[in-house]
Protein backbone atom coordinates (compact mmCIF):
# COMPACT_ATOMS: atom_id res chain seq x y z
CA MET A 1 137.19 5.94 228.03
CA LEU A 2 139.64 6.52 230.90
CA ASP A 3 139.85 3.80 233.50
CA ASP A 4 139.22 4.95 237.07
CA PHE A 5 142.51 4.19 238.79
CA ILE A 6 142.41 7.15 241.21
CA SER A 7 139.26 6.74 243.33
CA GLY A 8 141.02 4.22 245.57
CA LYS A 9 143.78 6.75 246.27
CA LYS A 10 141.50 8.87 248.47
CA SER A 11 142.73 6.77 251.38
CA LEU A 12 146.07 8.57 250.92
CA PHE A 13 144.52 12.03 251.41
CA THR A 14 145.70 13.71 254.61
CA ASP A 15 143.65 15.69 257.08
CA GLY A 16 143.91 19.47 257.22
CA ALA A 17 144.48 20.06 253.51
CA HIS A 18 142.29 20.39 250.44
CA MET A 19 143.49 17.75 247.93
CA GLU A 20 142.63 17.17 244.28
CA LEU A 21 143.65 14.15 242.21
CA ARG A 22 142.87 14.27 238.48
CA ALA A 23 143.39 11.88 235.56
CA GLN A 24 142.80 13.44 232.15
CA GLU A 25 143.00 12.73 228.43
CA ASN A 26 142.75 15.37 225.69
CA ARG A 27 142.16 14.33 222.07
CA SER A 28 142.44 16.45 218.95
CA ARG A 29 141.63 15.64 215.31
CA ARG A 30 142.04 17.96 212.32
CA ILE A 31 141.59 17.85 208.54
CA LEU A 32 142.19 20.84 206.24
CA LEU A 33 141.47 20.95 202.52
CA SER A 34 142.73 24.04 200.68
CA GLN A 35 141.61 24.26 197.07
CA GLY A 36 140.86 20.56 197.34
CA ASN A 37 144.40 19.72 198.46
CA LEU A 38 144.96 17.99 201.79
CA THR A 39 147.21 20.38 203.72
CA ALA A 40 146.63 19.16 207.28
CA ASN A 41 145.83 15.70 208.58
CA SER A 42 146.54 15.28 212.28
CA ARG A 43 145.56 13.26 215.33
CA SER A 44 146.89 13.73 218.84
CA GLU A 45 146.28 12.47 222.35
CA ILE A 46 147.82 13.67 225.57
CA SER A 47 147.06 12.12 228.92
CA GLY A 48 148.35 11.98 232.44
CA VAL A 49 147.61 12.50 236.09
CA SER A 50 148.06 15.48 238.41
CA ALA A 51 147.55 16.37 242.03
CA ARG A 52 147.12 19.68 243.80
CA VAL A 53 147.20 20.26 247.54
CA TYR A 54 146.11 23.47 249.33
CA LYS A 55 147.37 24.14 252.81
CA ASN A 56 147.23 27.37 254.82
CA GLY A 57 146.96 29.61 251.74
CA VAL A 58 149.48 27.95 249.39
CA TYR A 59 149.30 25.24 246.75
CA GLY A 60 151.56 22.36 245.90
CA PHE A 61 151.15 20.87 242.41
CA SER A 62 152.63 17.89 240.58
CA SER A 63 151.84 16.09 237.31
CA MET A 64 153.06 13.09 235.32
CA ALA A 65 152.41 12.07 231.71
CA GLU A 66 151.29 8.60 232.71
CA CYS A 67 147.88 7.22 233.58
CA SER A 68 148.57 4.55 236.20
CA SER A 69 148.09 3.80 239.86
CA PRO A 70 151.82 4.33 240.70
CA ALA A 71 151.78 7.68 238.87
CA ALA A 72 148.78 8.80 240.91
CA GLU A 73 150.54 7.95 244.14
CA THR A 74 153.73 9.71 243.00
CA VAL A 75 152.09 13.03 242.08
CA LEU A 76 149.92 13.03 245.18
CA LYS A 77 152.97 12.60 247.42
CA ALA A 78 154.95 15.25 245.48
CA ALA A 79 152.10 17.79 245.60
CA ALA A 80 151.71 17.31 249.35
CA GLU A 81 155.46 17.79 249.88
CA ASN A 82 155.42 20.90 247.68
CA ALA A 83 152.53 22.36 249.72
CA LEU A 84 154.34 21.72 252.98
CA PHE A 85 157.51 23.31 251.59
CA MET A 86 155.64 26.40 250.40
CA ASP A 87 153.76 26.72 253.68
CA ARG A 88 156.96 26.48 255.68
CA HIS A 89 158.64 29.27 253.73
CA ILE A 90 155.70 31.60 252.88
CA GLN A 91 153.61 31.15 256.04
CA LYS A 92 150.42 32.80 254.84
CA GLY A 93 148.57 31.18 257.72
CA LYS A 94 145.19 31.11 256.01
CA GLY A 95 142.55 28.68 257.11
CA ALA A 96 140.78 25.96 255.19
CA PHE A 97 138.23 26.64 252.46
CA PRO A 98 134.57 26.73 253.40
CA ALA A 99 133.31 23.17 253.10
CA ILE A 100 131.50 21.88 250.01
CA PRO A 101 129.23 18.86 250.59
CA ALA A 102 130.52 15.66 249.03
CA GLY A 103 128.84 14.40 245.88
CA GLN A 104 129.35 12.62 242.58
CA ILE A 105 128.95 13.80 238.97
CA PRO A 106 128.67 10.78 236.60
CA VAL A 107 129.75 10.51 232.98
CA LYS A 108 127.50 12.70 230.83
CA LYS A 109 128.57 11.59 227.34
CA ALA A 110 130.79 8.83 225.98
CA ILE A 111 133.77 9.76 223.81
CA SER A 112 133.78 8.06 220.40
CA ASP A 113 136.73 8.08 218.04
CA THR A 114 135.98 8.42 214.33
CA GLU A 115 138.48 7.12 211.80
CA GLN A 116 140.47 9.80 210.02
CA LYS A 117 139.39 8.48 206.62
CA ARG A 118 135.79 9.19 207.59
CA TYR A 119 136.65 12.83 208.36
CA LEU A 120 138.55 13.12 205.08
CA ALA A 121 135.80 11.62 202.93
CA PHE A 122 133.21 13.93 204.53
CA CYS A 123 135.33 17.03 203.88
CA LYS A 124 136.11 15.99 200.30
CA GLU A 125 132.43 15.71 199.50
CA LEU A 126 131.80 19.19 200.90
CA ASP A 127 134.73 20.61 198.98
CA ALA A 128 133.52 18.98 195.76
CA TYR A 129 130.15 20.65 196.24
CA ILE A 130 131.75 24.08 196.63
CA GLU A 131 134.01 23.60 193.60
CA GLY A 132 131.20 22.32 191.41
CA THR A 133 128.59 24.88 192.48
CA TYR A 134 130.75 28.00 192.83
CA PRO A 135 133.76 27.62 190.49
CA LYS A 136 134.51 31.36 190.29
CA LEU A 137 135.74 31.68 193.86
CA SER A 138 139.36 32.83 194.10
CA SER A 139 139.98 30.24 196.85
CA ARG A 140 138.19 27.98 199.30
CA SER A 141 138.95 25.80 202.29
CA VAL A 142 137.15 23.19 204.37
CA MET A 143 138.49 22.41 207.83
CA MET A 144 137.20 19.78 210.24
CA THR A 145 138.17 19.76 213.93
CA ALA A 146 137.13 17.37 216.68
CA ASP A 147 138.44 17.68 220.22
CA SER A 148 137.54 16.30 223.61
CA MET A 149 138.51 16.44 227.28
CA GLU A 150 137.85 13.54 229.61
CA LYS A 151 138.56 13.89 233.32
CA ILE A 152 138.25 11.75 236.43
CA LEU A 153 138.46 13.92 239.54
CA CYS A 154 138.67 12.96 243.21
CA THR A 155 138.79 15.55 245.99
CA SER A 156 139.13 15.53 249.75
CA ASP A 157 136.48 18.25 250.10
CA GLY A 158 133.90 18.56 247.37
CA TYR A 159 132.47 16.56 244.51
CA ASP A 160 134.12 13.73 242.61
CA GLY A 161 133.33 13.22 238.95
CA HIS A 162 133.93 11.56 235.63
CA ILE A 163 133.44 14.33 233.08
CA THR A 164 133.56 14.32 229.27
CA SER A 165 133.45 17.30 226.93
CA PRO A 166 133.54 16.43 223.20
CA ARG A 167 132.85 18.84 220.35
CA ALA A 168 133.14 18.76 216.54
CA HIS A 169 133.07 21.57 213.96
CA ILE A 170 133.53 22.14 210.26
CA TYR A 171 134.73 25.56 209.09
CA PHE A 172 134.04 26.85 205.56
CA THR A 173 136.14 29.75 204.24
CA LEU A 174 135.31 31.32 200.87
CA ASN A 175 137.32 34.02 199.09
CA THR A 176 136.67 36.29 196.11
CA GLU A 177 137.63 39.81 194.97
CA THR A 178 135.91 43.13 194.46
CA GLU A 179 135.88 44.68 191.00
CA ALA A 180 138.85 46.77 192.17
CA GLY A 181 140.77 43.59 192.98
CA GLU A 182 140.52 43.82 196.77
CA PRO A 183 140.32 40.42 198.49
CA VAL A 184 137.03 39.55 200.18
CA GLU A 185 136.69 36.66 202.64
CA LEU A 186 133.99 35.12 204.79
CA TYR A 187 133.96 32.02 206.95
CA THR A 188 131.44 30.18 209.08
CA PRO A 189 131.65 27.29 211.55
CA VAL A 190 128.99 24.59 211.86
CA GLY A 191 128.74 21.88 214.51
CA GLY A 192 128.81 21.94 218.28
CA PHE A 193 128.94 19.89 221.45
CA GLY A 194 129.19 16.12 221.01
CA ASN A 195 131.08 13.66 218.88
CA PHE A 196 131.44 13.93 215.10
CA GLU A 197 128.52 11.55 214.52
CA ASP A 198 126.31 13.60 216.84
CA ASN A 199 126.79 16.67 214.67
CA PHE A 200 127.29 15.37 211.14
CA SER A 201 125.53 12.56 209.27
CA ASP A 202 125.19 13.64 205.62
CA PRO A 203 127.32 16.28 203.83
CA ALA A 204 124.27 17.37 201.82
CA LEU A 205 122.65 18.66 205.00
CA LEU A 206 125.37 21.32 205.15
CA TYR A 207 124.91 22.57 201.59
CA PRO A 208 122.39 25.27 202.66
CA GLU A 209 125.00 26.67 205.08
CA ILE A 210 127.51 26.90 202.22
CA ASP A 211 124.91 28.52 199.94
CA LYS A 212 124.12 31.11 202.61
CA LEU A 213 127.81 31.87 203.10
CA TYR A 214 128.35 32.29 199.36
CA GLU A 215 125.36 34.62 199.07
CA GLU A 216 126.73 36.80 201.88
CA LEU A 217 130.16 36.79 200.23
CA MET A 218 128.64 38.04 196.97
CA HIS A 219 126.85 40.80 198.89
CA LYS A 220 130.05 41.75 200.64
CA ARG A 221 131.86 41.81 197.27
CA GLU A 222 129.67 44.78 196.34
CA GLY A 223 130.25 46.43 199.70
CA VAL A 224 131.43 49.91 200.59
CA HIS A 225 133.68 51.18 203.35
CA ALA A 226 131.92 52.33 206.49
CA ASP A 227 131.99 55.98 207.47
CA ALA A 228 134.24 56.27 210.49
CA GLY A 229 132.86 57.79 213.68
CA TYR A 230 130.71 57.35 216.74
CA LYS A 231 127.60 55.69 215.33
CA THR A 232 124.32 54.11 216.26
CA VAL A 233 124.69 50.41 215.48
CA VAL A 234 122.81 47.16 215.89
CA LEU A 235 125.24 44.52 217.09
CA GLY A 236 124.23 41.00 216.05
CA GLY A 237 124.39 38.15 218.53
CA PHE A 238 127.93 37.11 217.62
CA LEU A 239 129.16 40.64 218.34
CA SER A 240 127.31 40.99 221.65
CA GLY A 241 128.67 37.56 222.57
CA MET A 242 132.21 38.68 221.81
CA ILE A 243 131.72 41.73 224.04
CA ALA A 244 130.21 39.56 226.79
CA HIS A 245 133.28 37.32 226.72
CA GLU A 246 136.26 39.51 225.85
CA ALA A 247 135.33 42.95 227.16
CA VAL A 248 133.24 42.02 230.22
CA GLY A 249 133.84 38.37 231.10
CA HIS A 250 137.61 38.63 231.49
CA THR A 251 137.37 41.76 233.61
CA VAL A 252 135.16 39.94 236.15
CA GLU A 253 137.42 36.89 236.51
CA ALA A 254 138.46 37.27 240.14
CA ASP A 255 142.17 36.64 239.56
CA LEU A 256 142.16 39.51 237.06
CA VAL A 257 140.12 41.64 239.46
CA LEU A 258 142.93 41.12 241.98
CA SER A 259 145.35 42.19 239.22
CA GLY A 260 143.56 45.52 238.88
CA SER A 261 140.76 45.07 236.34
CA VAL A 262 138.10 47.73 235.94
CA ALA A 263 135.54 45.43 237.60
CA GLY A 264 137.20 45.84 241.01
CA PRO A 265 136.01 49.36 241.83
CA ASN A 266 132.72 48.86 239.95
CA LEU A 267 131.18 46.04 241.96
CA GLY A 268 127.67 47.09 242.93
CA LYS A 269 127.76 50.01 240.50
CA ARG A 270 126.03 50.68 237.18
CA VAL A 271 128.03 49.40 234.22
CA GLY A 272 125.23 49.21 231.66
CA SER A 273 121.70 50.38 230.97
CA GLU A 274 118.88 48.73 232.91
CA LEU A 275 118.28 46.52 229.84
CA VAL A 276 121.67 44.80 230.20
CA ASN A 277 121.83 41.47 232.04
CA LEU A 278 124.79 39.14 231.74
CA VAL A 279 125.14 35.55 232.98
CA ASP A 280 127.86 32.90 232.80
CA PHE A 281 125.73 29.74 232.42
CA ALA A 282 127.06 26.42 233.70
CA HIS A 283 125.32 23.71 231.69
CA THR A 284 121.73 24.75 230.95
CA ALA A 285 120.51 28.03 229.46
CA PHE A 286 116.93 29.02 228.73
CA GLY A 287 115.77 25.45 229.33
CA LYS A 288 118.21 23.89 226.85
CA PRO A 289 121.77 22.52 227.09
CA ALA A 290 124.34 25.33 226.90
CA PRO A 291 126.80 25.16 223.98
CA LEU A 292 129.56 23.66 226.17
CA PRO A 293 128.01 22.24 229.34
CA VAL A 294 130.14 22.30 232.51
CA PHE A 295 128.81 20.24 235.44
CA LEU A 296 131.88 20.19 237.68
CA ASP A 297 135.06 22.23 237.79
CA ASP A 298 138.55 20.92 238.53
CA GLU A 299 138.44 21.90 242.20
CA GLY A 300 135.44 19.67 242.90
CA THR A 301 132.91 22.54 242.89
CA PRO A 302 129.56 21.66 241.25
CA ALA A 303 128.81 24.16 238.51
CA GLU A 304 126.07 26.77 238.94
CA ASP A 305 125.10 29.83 236.91
CA ALA A 306 126.95 33.04 237.78
CA VAL A 307 124.94 36.27 237.47
CA LEU A 308 127.44 39.00 236.61
CA ILE A 309 125.32 41.99 235.60
CA LYS A 310 121.68 42.44 236.66
CA ASP A 311 119.62 45.35 235.34
CA GLY A 312 122.86 47.13 234.45
CA ILE A 313 124.48 46.70 237.89
CA LEU A 314 127.69 44.66 238.27
CA THR A 315 126.72 42.04 240.87
CA GLY A 316 129.49 39.42 240.98
CA TYR A 317 132.73 37.86 239.83
CA LEU A 318 133.82 34.49 238.47
CA ASN A 319 135.72 32.68 241.21
CA SER A 320 137.89 29.80 242.27
CA ARG A 321 137.48 28.47 245.80
CA GLU A 322 140.40 30.64 246.93
CA SER A 323 139.16 33.88 245.35
CA ALA A 324 135.59 33.21 246.52
CA GLN A 325 136.91 32.98 250.08
CA HIS A 326 138.82 36.25 249.58
CA PHE A 327 135.79 38.16 248.26
CA GLY A 328 133.21 36.51 250.50
CA MET A 329 131.40 35.00 247.52
CA LYS A 330 130.19 31.50 246.70
CA PRO A 331 132.33 29.47 244.27
CA LEU A 332 130.19 28.39 241.32
CA GLY A 333 132.48 26.06 239.38
CA ASN A 334 134.71 28.32 237.26
CA ALA A 335 138.15 26.80 238.04
CA ARG A 336 139.07 24.80 234.94
CA ALA A 337 142.28 23.24 233.59
CA TRP A 338 143.00 22.53 229.92
CA SER A 339 145.47 19.65 230.26
CA PHE A 340 146.49 17.20 232.96
CA SER A 341 149.67 19.23 233.45
CA ASP A 342 147.78 22.51 233.99
CA GLU A 343 146.57 23.89 237.29
CA PRO A 344 142.96 25.11 237.31
CA LEU A 345 142.45 28.78 236.41
CA ILE A 346 139.33 30.92 236.70
CA ARG A 347 137.59 30.58 233.34
CA MET A 348 134.28 31.40 231.71
CA ARG A 349 131.89 28.67 230.59
CA ASN A 350 128.88 29.92 228.54
CA THR A 351 128.73 33.71 228.83
CA THR A 352 125.89 35.69 227.31
CA VAL A 353 123.83 38.85 227.49
CA LEU A 354 120.25 37.85 228.30
CA PRO A 355 117.54 38.45 225.68
CA GLY A 356 115.12 41.36 225.88
CA LYS A 357 111.67 41.97 224.42
CA ASP A 358 112.38 43.66 221.08
CA LYS A 359 112.17 42.06 217.64
CA LEU A 360 115.28 42.38 215.47
CA GLU A 361 113.28 43.88 212.62
CA ASP A 362 111.90 46.55 214.96
CA ILE A 363 115.38 47.40 216.21
CA ILE A 364 116.64 47.85 212.65
CA ALA A 365 113.55 49.90 211.76
CA SER A 366 114.28 52.25 214.65
CA VAL A 367 117.67 53.31 213.24
CA ASP A 368 117.63 56.24 210.84
CA ASP A 369 121.32 56.19 209.92
CA GLY A 370 123.66 53.51 211.26
CA TYR A 371 124.94 49.97 210.78
CA TYR A 372 123.85 46.39 211.39
CA LEU A 373 126.99 44.37 212.24
CA THR A 374 126.63 40.60 212.06
CA ASN A 375 130.00 38.86 212.09
CA THR A 376 133.44 39.13 213.63
CA ASN A 377 136.61 37.13 213.16
CA ASN A 378 138.68 38.35 216.10
CA GLY A 379 138.63 40.57 219.13
CA GLN A 380 140.76 41.79 221.97
CA ALA A 381 140.23 43.70 225.19
CA ASP A 382 142.28 44.70 228.20
CA LEU A 383 141.61 44.94 231.93
CA THR A 384 140.16 48.43 231.52
CA GLY A 385 137.35 46.97 229.42
CA GLU A 386 138.65 48.77 226.34
CA PHE A 387 138.06 46.60 223.27
CA MET A 388 138.57 46.43 219.51
CA PHE A 389 136.88 43.82 217.31
CA GLY A 390 137.21 43.10 213.62
CA ILE A 391 133.95 43.23 211.64
CA THR A 392 133.72 40.85 208.68
CA MET A 393 130.06 41.33 207.72
CA GLY A 394 127.64 44.17 208.13
CA TYR A 395 125.17 46.45 206.41
CA GLU A 396 124.28 50.09 206.34
CA ILE A 397 120.94 51.04 207.86
CA LYS A 398 119.22 53.94 206.08
CA LYS A 399 115.83 55.21 207.25
CA GLY A 400 115.10 51.98 209.08
CA LYS A 401 116.02 49.62 206.24
CA LEU A 402 119.09 47.55 205.45
CA ALA A 403 121.09 49.12 202.62
CA ARG A 404 124.53 48.38 201.17
CA PRO A 405 126.86 45.79 202.71
CA ILE A 406 130.14 47.05 204.15
CA LEU A 407 133.69 45.80 203.76
CA ASP A 408 135.90 44.75 206.68
CA THR A 409 136.18 47.30 209.44
CA THR A 410 136.56 47.52 213.21
CA VAL A 411 134.57 48.65 216.22
CA SER A 412 136.06 49.89 219.47
CA GLY A 413 135.08 51.33 222.81
CA VAL A 414 135.06 50.78 226.56
CA ALA A 415 132.63 48.05 227.53
CA PHE A 416 131.16 49.55 230.69
CA GLU A 417 130.53 52.83 228.86
CA MET A 418 129.20 51.26 225.65
CA LEU A 419 126.76 49.05 227.59
CA LYS A 420 125.23 52.16 229.15
CA THR A 421 124.09 53.23 225.66
CA VAL A 422 122.10 50.02 225.04
CA ASP A 423 118.47 51.01 224.58
CA MET A 424 117.00 48.01 222.69
CA VAL A 425 117.66 44.27 223.14
CA SER A 426 116.32 41.56 220.85
CA ASP A 427 114.38 38.54 222.08
CA GLU A 428 116.67 35.89 220.54
CA VAL A 429 120.13 34.74 221.64
CA ILE A 430 122.65 33.47 219.08
CA TRP A 431 125.28 31.12 220.51
CA THR A 432 128.69 29.95 219.35
CA GLY A 433 130.90 27.31 220.94
CA SER A 434 133.53 26.80 218.26
CA GLY A 435 136.31 28.94 219.70
CA VAL A 436 139.09 28.55 222.23
CA CYS A 437 139.87 31.17 224.87
CA GLY A 438 143.59 31.76 225.38
CA LYS A 439 144.06 32.99 228.95
CA LYS A 440 147.51 31.52 229.85
CA GLN A 441 146.23 28.08 228.76
CA PRO A 442 143.57 27.30 226.13
CA MET A 443 140.01 26.54 227.14
CA THR A 444 136.81 25.68 225.26
CA VAL A 445 134.06 28.21 225.96
CA GLY A 446 130.63 29.19 224.73
CA MET A 447 129.44 32.74 224.23
CA GLY A 448 126.40 34.42 222.81
CA GLY A 449 123.92 37.22 222.96
CA PRO A 450 120.92 38.97 221.44
CA ALA A 451 121.07 41.90 219.06
CA LEU A 452 121.80 45.19 220.86
CA ARG A 453 121.15 48.76 219.71
CA CYS A 454 123.90 50.96 221.09
CA LYS A 455 126.49 53.63 220.33
CA ILE A 456 129.96 52.54 219.27
CA MET A 457 133.03 53.82 217.44
CA ILE A 458 133.31 52.28 213.99
CA GLY A 459 136.36 52.40 211.75
CA GLY A 460 136.35 53.50 208.14
CA ARG A 461 138.68 52.87 205.23
């Protein structure tokens, strides 16, 4: 755990400026077995201290790859000098941020470090199971990742905190071929928030996940190409989560709103059917811990849930303290930095469409001719809300029943138009927290959603 060598430096904070002092360590562990061969075996740590000072509308920032009391004093002095320099030359003349009451967020979870040989032995046992049970696969891989962020934050105006955010995942990728020789691939992640030992105890407990993945792969092997066109589809929770994050969430990040995103002129307007509700949860969702809990952001703002769409109406943005002041909104803890050397950016936390009242089986039964799409491996969207996602698993729906599986395809559309076609929403949310969002700097995020019946453009062969 990081030693707290920065709390005593608050005596160096100056009046009339918002000041942040942060010590941080990021850890990363990775094992990759391809066909049983060890092809990646890495461990890394990066740590340091940074300071950021806001004065009259401008920021000064400084960082140093050293965790020590002298380093903290050095970056704090440099950041203050940078802020004064910027203020003198830019002269924005803005006032101070609205005050946030002082408080303290304590450590939520200790970081434990598992030996690399433990990771390797665990992955080898899983790989041996796949090889022994399913020898006819064309290829296979088992990848283990464990990463964590630990931060100690002190601010002149806001909360202080000692925050930890560990997570651990294992990814299984299985490959085969169709009878025509076309490659077919499926992968699935397992794991979640917490240390390796919190998520994994016995390799045998993961065998059912591998069996399920193999069964889906064999179904997909017999799949057909989708018929291209504007179709009625049922988007599974992973797909609705991808849309919530990529096609909606980024457009409502206030820095991107200021850059011209589609959310700017749509605030207070209808962007979805009345069944669509979308929230960026901070640390607790539906009475349970969110996939990646965030209790405090890197500006000292305690994290609260951000309601973005309510009954189909766009109601808010994700903000930093600066953008919240600009838009007249309340900051809710969305300014997050990946590394000690990064300045906080406006980021999502755990973004999801809220569940509805329909059962998944009833939604499928309501579709006469369409598709049930369950998995995606990538997605992209732009500031207009236009998106395209790859589909790696799905099924035809014929007369209200699941029919043949489909091979890889794509879906595309414009989020705020597609969401207006949603007319059924399932009562169960599926979450994932295994990915990393890549907005200028990486960031761990959670996303999820219920199944949605909607209209969407689907690709064909």
